[in-house]
Protein backbone atom coordinates (compact mmCIF):
# COMPACT_ATOMS: atom_id res chain seq x y z
CA UNK A 1 -13.21 -14.55 -10.32
CA UNK A 2 -11.43 -11.24 -10.72
CA UNK A 3 -9.43 -9.96 -7.73
CA UNK A 4 -10.35 -6.79 -5.88
CA UNK A 5 -8.05 -3.86 -5.14
CA UNK A 6 -8.25 -2.42 -1.61
CA UNK A 7 -6.95 1.16 -1.48
CA UNK A 8 -5.91 2.53 1.90
CA UNK A 9 -7.12 6.12 1.76
CA UNK A 10 -8.25 6.88 5.32
CA UNK A 11 -5.31 9.21 5.87
CA UNK A 12 -5.73 11.30 2.73
CA UNK A 13 -7.65 14.14 4.28
CA UNK A 14 -5.33 14.56 7.24
CA UNK A 15 -2.10 14.31 5.21
CA UNK A 16 -3.19 16.72 2.51
CA UNK A 17 -5.12 19.20 4.63
CA UNK A 18 -8.34 18.45 2.78
CA UNK A 19 -9.04 16.39 -0.32
CA UNK A 20 -9.33 19.45 -2.54
CA UNK A 21 -5.67 20.16 -1.91
CA UNK A 22 -4.46 16.88 -3.48
CA UNK A 23 -1.84 17.98 -5.98
CA UNK A 24 -2.25 17.00 -9.64
CA UNK A 25 0.76 15.25 -11.15
CA UNK A 26 -0.54 14.22 -14.58
CA UNK A 27 -0.75 16.37 -17.72
CA UNK A 28 -4.54 16.63 -17.49
CA UNK A 29 -4.76 17.17 -13.76
CA UNK A 30 -4.57 13.51 -12.69
CA UNK A 31 -3.52 12.62 -9.15
CA UNK A 32 -1.41 9.57 -8.31
CA UNK A 33 -4.48 7.54 -7.33
CA UNK A 34 -5.94 7.99 -10.82
CA UNK A 35 -3.02 6.08 -12.28
CA UNK A 36 -3.38 3.27 -9.77
CA UNK A 37 -7.06 2.75 -10.59
CA UNK A 38 -6.34 3.00 -14.33
CA UNK A 39 -3.54 0.43 -14.05
CA UNK A 40 -5.70 -1.86 -11.93
CA UNK A 41 -8.52 -1.92 -14.48
CA UNK A 42 -6.09 -2.79 -17.29
CA UNK A 43 -4.37 -5.45 -15.19
CA UNK A 44 -7.57 -7.39 -14.50
CA UNK A 45 -8.88 -6.21 -11.14
CA UNK A 46 -12.67 -6.26 -11.13
CA UNK A 47 -13.47 -3.98 -8.22
CA UNK A 48 -11.83 -1.28 -6.14
CA UNK A 49 -12.64 -0.75 -2.45
CA UNK A 50 -11.61 2.55 -0.90
CA UNK A 51 -10.98 2.42 2.84
CA UNK A 52 -11.71 5.92 4.09
CA UNK A 53 -12.88 7.76 7.21
CA UNK A 54 -16.55 8.55 7.75
CA UNK A 55 -15.84 12.26 8.10
CA UNK A 56 -14.41 12.52 4.56
CA UNK A 57 -17.00 10.26 2.91
CA UNK A 58 -19.00 12.90 1.03
CA UNK A 59 -15.95 14.85 -0.09
CA UNK A 60 -14.05 11.73 -1.14
CA UNK A 61 -16.94 10.32 -3.17
CA UNK A 62 -17.45 13.66 -4.90
CA UNK A 63 -13.81 14.57 -5.58
CA UNK A 64 -12.30 11.11 -6.08
CA UNK A 65 -14.61 8.10 -6.24
CA UNK A 66 -17.07 9.59 -8.74
CA UNK A 67 -14.35 9.66 -11.43
CA UNK A 68 -14.20 5.87 -11.56
CA UNK A 69 -17.90 5.06 -11.76
CA UNK A 70 -18.66 3.21 -14.97
CA UNK A 71 -15.02 2.24 -15.39
CA UNK A 72 -14.70 -0.26 -12.51
CA UNK A 73 -16.99 -1.38 -9.70
CA UNK A 74 -16.45 0.85 -6.67
CA UNK A 75 -17.26 0.20 -3.02
CA UNK A 76 -16.33 1.89 0.25
CA UNK A 77 -15.29 0.70 3.68
CA UNK A 78 -14.71 2.83 6.75
CA UNK A 79 -11.81 2.70 9.17
CA UNK A 80 -13.08 3.75 12.57
CA UNK A 81 -11.34 4.01 15.90
CA UNK A 82 -14.19 2.21 17.63
CA UNK A 83 -14.08 -0.80 15.29
CA UNK A 84 -12.58 -3.09 17.95
CA UNK A 85 -13.48 -6.59 19.16
CA UNK A 86 -15.61 -7.47 22.15
CA UNK A 87 -15.77 -5.15 25.12
CA UNK A 88 -12.38 -3.54 24.56
CA UNK A 89 -12.51 0.06 25.75
CA UNK A 90 -10.89 2.80 23.67
CA UNK A 91 -8.03 4.35 25.68
CA UNK A 92 -8.82 7.84 26.89
CA UNK A 93 -7.11 10.38 24.65
CA UNK A 94 -6.76 8.04 21.66
CA UNK A 95 -8.00 9.83 18.50
CA UNK A 96 -6.44 8.01 15.55
CA UNK A 97 -7.39 4.55 14.21
CA UNK A 98 -5.16 1.51 14.60
CA UNK A 99 -2.88 1.37 11.54
CA UNK A 100 -2.69 -0.29 8.14
CA UNK A 101 -3.71 -3.84 9.13
CA UNK A 102 -6.73 -2.37 10.93
CA UNK A 103 -7.55 -0.43 7.75
CA UNK A 104 -7.51 -3.64 5.69
CA UNK A 105 -9.73 -5.32 8.27
CA UNK A 106 -12.29 -2.56 7.72
CA UNK A 107 -12.96 -4.00 4.23
CA UNK A 108 -13.95 -7.44 5.53
CA UNK A 109 -17.66 -7.05 4.77
CA UNK A 110 -17.25 -6.00 1.13
CA UNK A 111 -14.44 -8.31 -0.06
CA UNK A 112 -15.02 -12.02 -0.66
CA UNK A 113 -12.35 -12.71 -3.30
CA UNK A 114 -8.54 -12.57 -3.43
CA UNK A 115 -7.46 -8.96 -3.11
CA UNK A 116 -4.54 -6.59 -3.45
CA UNK A 117 -3.70 -3.76 -1.06
CA UNK A 118 -2.02 -0.45 -1.91
CA UNK A 119 -1.54 3.02 -0.47
CA UNK A 120 -3.66 5.72 -2.08
CA UNK A 121 -0.77 8.14 -2.57
CA UNK A 122 1.94 5.88 -4.04
CA UNK A 123 2.57 5.35 -7.76
CA UNK A 124 3.39 1.67 -8.34
CA UNK A 125 3.46 1.37 -12.15
CA UNK A 126 1.57 -0.65 -14.75
CA UNK A 127 3.68 -3.83 -14.59
CA UNK A 128 3.40 -4.01 -10.79
CA UNK A 129 -0.38 -4.21 -10.99
CA UNK A 130 -0.16 -6.85 -13.74
CA UNK A 131 2.18 -8.98 -11.61
CA UNK A 132 -0.17 -8.78 -8.65
CA UNK A 133 -3.39 -9.36 -10.61
CA UNK A 134 -1.95 -12.40 -12.38
CA UNK A 135 -0.74 -13.90 -9.09
CA UNK A 136 -4.12 -13.39 -7.40
CA UNK A 137 -5.97 -14.88 -10.38
CA UNK A 138 -4.16 -18.24 -10.44
CA UNK A 139 -6.36 -21.29 -9.87
CA UNK A 140 -3.98 -22.73 -7.29
CA UNK A 141 -4.37 -19.63 -5.12
CA UNK A 142 -4.94 -21.00 -1.62
CA UNK A 143 -5.47 -19.89 1.95
CA UNK A 144 -2.26 -18.67 3.49
CA UNK A 145 -0.60 -18.08 0.11
CA UNK A 146 0.11 -14.36 -0.08
CA UNK A 147 2.13 -12.01 -2.27
CA UNK A 148 4.29 -8.93 -1.90
CA UNK A 149 5.37 -6.80 -4.84
CA UNK A 150 9.01 -5.98 -4.15
CA UNK A 151 10.70 -2.90 -5.59
CA UNK A 152 14.40 -2.25 -6.06
CA UNK A 153 15.64 0.04 -3.32
CA UNK A 154 17.35 2.41 -5.76
CA UNK A 155 14.00 3.00 -7.48
CA UNK A 156 12.33 4.23 -4.29
CA UNK A 157 14.69 6.88 -2.87
CA UNK A 158 14.30 10.66 -2.84
CA UNK A 159 16.88 13.15 -4.05
CA UNK A 160 15.64 15.65 -1.47
CA UNK A 161 16.08 13.85 1.85
CA UNK A 162 16.19 10.54 3.63
CA UNK A 163 13.35 8.01 3.65
CA UNK A 164 12.43 4.82 5.52
CA UNK A 165 11.79 1.54 3.75
CA UNK A 166 11.03 -2.08 4.60
CA UNK A 167 14.04 -4.10 3.45
CA UNK A 168 12.99 -7.62 2.43
CA UNK A 169 14.91 -10.75 3.23
CA UNK A 170 13.93 -13.33 0.59
CA UNK A 171 14.81 -17.04 0.77
CA UNK A 172 16.06 -19.19 -2.11
CA UNK A 173 12.48 -20.16 -2.99
CA UNK A 174 11.48 -16.54 -3.52
CA UNK A 175 9.49 -16.46 -0.29
CA UNK A 176 9.55 -13.57 2.14
CA UNK A 177 11.46 -14.38 5.32
CA UNK A 178 11.44 -11.00 7.01
CA UNK A 179 10.86 -7.28 6.46
CA UNK A 180 13.37 -5.09 8.30
CA UNK A 181 12.54 -1.43 8.80
CA UNK A 182 15.50 0.72 7.68
CA UNK A 183 15.81 4.47 8.15
CA UNK A 184 17.95 7.34 6.93
CA UNK A 185 17.96 5.95 3.39
CA UNK A 186 19.48 8.30 0.82
CA UNK A 187 21.60 8.08 -2.34
CA UNK A 188 25.35 8.67 -2.06
CA UNK A 189 28.23 8.55 -4.50
CA UNK A 190 29.01 4.97 -3.49
CA UNK A 191 25.43 3.63 -3.60
CA UNK A 192 22.58 3.90 -1.11
CA UNK A 193 23.19 4.77 2.54
CA UNK A 194 20.88 3.28 5.16
CA UNK A 195 20.60 2.65 8.89
CA UNK A 196 19.76 -0.89 9.96
CA UNK A 197 19.63 -2.06 13.57
CA UNK A 198 21.47 1.07 14.65
CA UNK A 199 24.31 0.51 12.17
CA UNK A 200 25.03 2.66 9.09
CA UNK A 201 25.94 0.85 5.88
CA UNK A 202 26.12 1.46 2.14
CA UNK A 203 24.45 -0.93 -0.31
CA UNK A 204 24.28 -1.04 -4.10
CA UNK A 205 20.52 -0.35 -4.32
CA UNK A 206 19.47 -3.64 -5.90
CA UNK A 207 17.97 -4.83 -2.61
CA UNK A 208 14.26 -5.59 -2.53
CA UNK A 209 11.99 -3.35 -0.47
CA UNK A 210 8.31 -3.31 0.37
CA UNK A 211 6.20 -0.31 -0.61
CA UNK A 212 3.02 -1.74 0.94
CA UNK A 213 1.72 -3.49 -2.20
CA UNK A 214 0.34 -6.82 -0.99
CA UNK A 215 -1.86 -9.64 -2.24
CA UNK A 216 -4.02 -11.81 0.05
CA UNK A 217 -6.59 -14.58 -0.10
CA UNK A 218 -9.91 -13.72 1.53
CA UNK A 219 -9.28 -15.74 4.74
CA UNK A 220 -6.67 -13.12 5.58
CA UNK A 221 -9.48 -11.19 7.25
CA UNK A 222 -10.07 -13.87 9.89
CA UNK A 223 -6.35 -13.97 10.66
CA UNK A 224 -6.18 -10.18 10.80
CA UNK A 225 -9.14 -10.15 13.19
CA UNK A 226 -7.50 -12.69 15.51
CA UNK A 227 -4.19 -10.84 15.35
CA UNK A 228 -5.89 -7.54 16.15
CA UNK A 229 -7.38 -8.98 19.32
CA UNK A 230 -3.91 -10.11 20.39
CA UNK A 231 -2.46 -6.71 19.53
CA UNK A 232 -5.00 -4.94 21.74
CA UNK A 233 -4.46 -7.37 24.62
CA UNK A 234 -0.75 -6.51 24.71
CA UNK A 235 -1.02 -2.84 23.79
CA UNK A 236 2.31 -1.17 24.54
CA UNK A 237 1.39 2.47 23.95
CA UNK A 238 -2.39 2.98 24.20
CA UNK A 239 -2.28 6.38 22.47
CA UNK A 240 0.15 5.69 19.63
CA UNK A 241 0.66 1.96 18.95
CA UNK A 242 -0.51 0.84 15.51
CA UNK A 243 -1.40 -2.53 13.99
CA UNK A 244 0.72 -2.72 10.82
CA UNK A 245 0.45 -5.11 7.87
CA UNK A 246 4.16 -6.11 7.93
CA UNK A 247 3.99 -6.99 11.63
CA UNK A 248 0.90 -9.14 11.14
CA UNK A 249 2.36 -10.87 8.08
CA UNK A 250 5.61 -11.54 9.95
CA UNK A 251 3.66 -13.19 12.77
CA UNK A 252 1.85 -15.39 10.24
CA UNK A 253 5.13 -16.35 8.56
CA UNK A 254 6.80 -17.13 11.88
CA UNK A 255 3.86 -19.28 13.00
CA UNK A 256 3.78 -21.02 9.60
CA UNK A 257 0.25 -19.90 8.88
CA UNK A 258 1.30 -18.18 5.67
CA UNK A 259 3.86 -18.05 2.90
CA UNK A 260 4.47 -14.82 1.01
CA UNK A 261 5.84 -14.98 -2.51
CA UNK A 262 7.86 -11.91 -3.47
CA UNK A 263 7.00 -10.62 -6.95
CA UNK A 264 9.98 -8.53 -7.94
CA UNK A 265 9.52 -5.53 -10.21
CA UNK A 266 11.93 -3.02 -11.73
CA UNK A 267 9.19 -0.40 -12.00
CA UNK A 268 10.13 2.98 -10.54
CA UNK A 269 8.08 3.87 -7.48
CA UNK A 270 6.95 7.49 -7.41
CA UNK A 271 5.71 9.40 -4.40
CA UNK A 272 5.92 12.73 -2.64
CA UNK A 273 7.85 12.41 0.61
CA UNK A 274 9.17 15.99 0.39
CA UNK A 275 7.53 18.95 -1.40
CA UNK A 276 10.42 19.01 -3.86
CA UNK A 277 9.58 15.44 -4.94
CA UNK A 278 6.48 16.62 -6.77
CA UNK A 279 8.48 17.86 -9.74
CA UNK A 280 10.21 14.47 -10.10
CA UNK A 281 6.83 12.68 -10.00
CA UNK A 282 5.44 14.98 -12.68
CA UNK A 283 8.51 14.44 -14.84
CA UNK A 284 8.31 10.67 -14.39
CA UNK A 285 4.67 10.53 -15.41
CA UNK A 286 5.29 12.92 -18.32
CA UNK A 287 7.95 10.53 -19.60
CA UNK A 288 5.55 7.59 -19.36
CA UNK A 289 2.91 9.54 -21.28
CA UNK A 290 5.45 10.44 -23.96
CA UNK A 291 6.42 6.76 -24.21
CA UNK A 292 2.78 5.78 -24.78
CA UNK A 293 2.31 3.96 -21.46
CA UNK A 294 -0.51 6.34 -20.54
CA UNK A 295 -2.75 8.59 -22.62
CA UNK A 296 -2.54 12.37 -22.28
CA UNK A 297 -5.85 12.25 -20.40
CA UNK A 298 -6.71 9.05 -18.51
CA UNK A 299 -10.48 9.28 -18.42
CA UNK A 300 -11.46 10.72 -21.79
């Protein structure tokens, strides 16, 4: 059974001011998501599920999803604020959905096989998708055995400002112990500067970080559903609190319901945190095209 790729795209319209304003980064007008779907098909994923909002459905299918028809099976799931358990009442004034783990949960009715999860607007690289697809396709894949593709910190920074990243603590078996959120990350002459637990330090950049590229077995949905109910019961900020994948995974690790193998990659991550980053993304993809990793036009 081929694994499925779940793409978190519910925020695309709001972040970009409309889907038609997604900036091309490839030589033939490709956007970052095009490269992810292309890499996924080559790596062995059999289906892609886009998690989107209902209000961008028609525009997304026309501008984005239609490009992949005939190349890989495509399905859609919808992240909705009112997708909550039982008789929970939506807090007055709350307008946004409940975060990345809630977005994954939205795909529960269309995914029955092991699956990967990525952000729609991050470039992860060909080898990262191969690592994840191979891990999800192993016969010994079992409930509670998950994966995280870990990137080198120095391959994920911006030259144009500071970023935040999830710094991974990995045990001697290669299993994820904890993801620590670090802020103010930027390159310096002596390495990479970051803020962790209120303290500023400089590291060499070889540390492993999460860029939200996960792999799960299908029972993850039942655990995400149970965790979401607990999250809502202890809601700290009714208008802003979000149910994040790393927080859920950490709870499962701590309660020994899951183990997460870290699949390390040296692939460069590419993304646009600042407007000035776009040029670096274009240059990075141009170099990969020149090296023969990608064709001049992906879909011809």
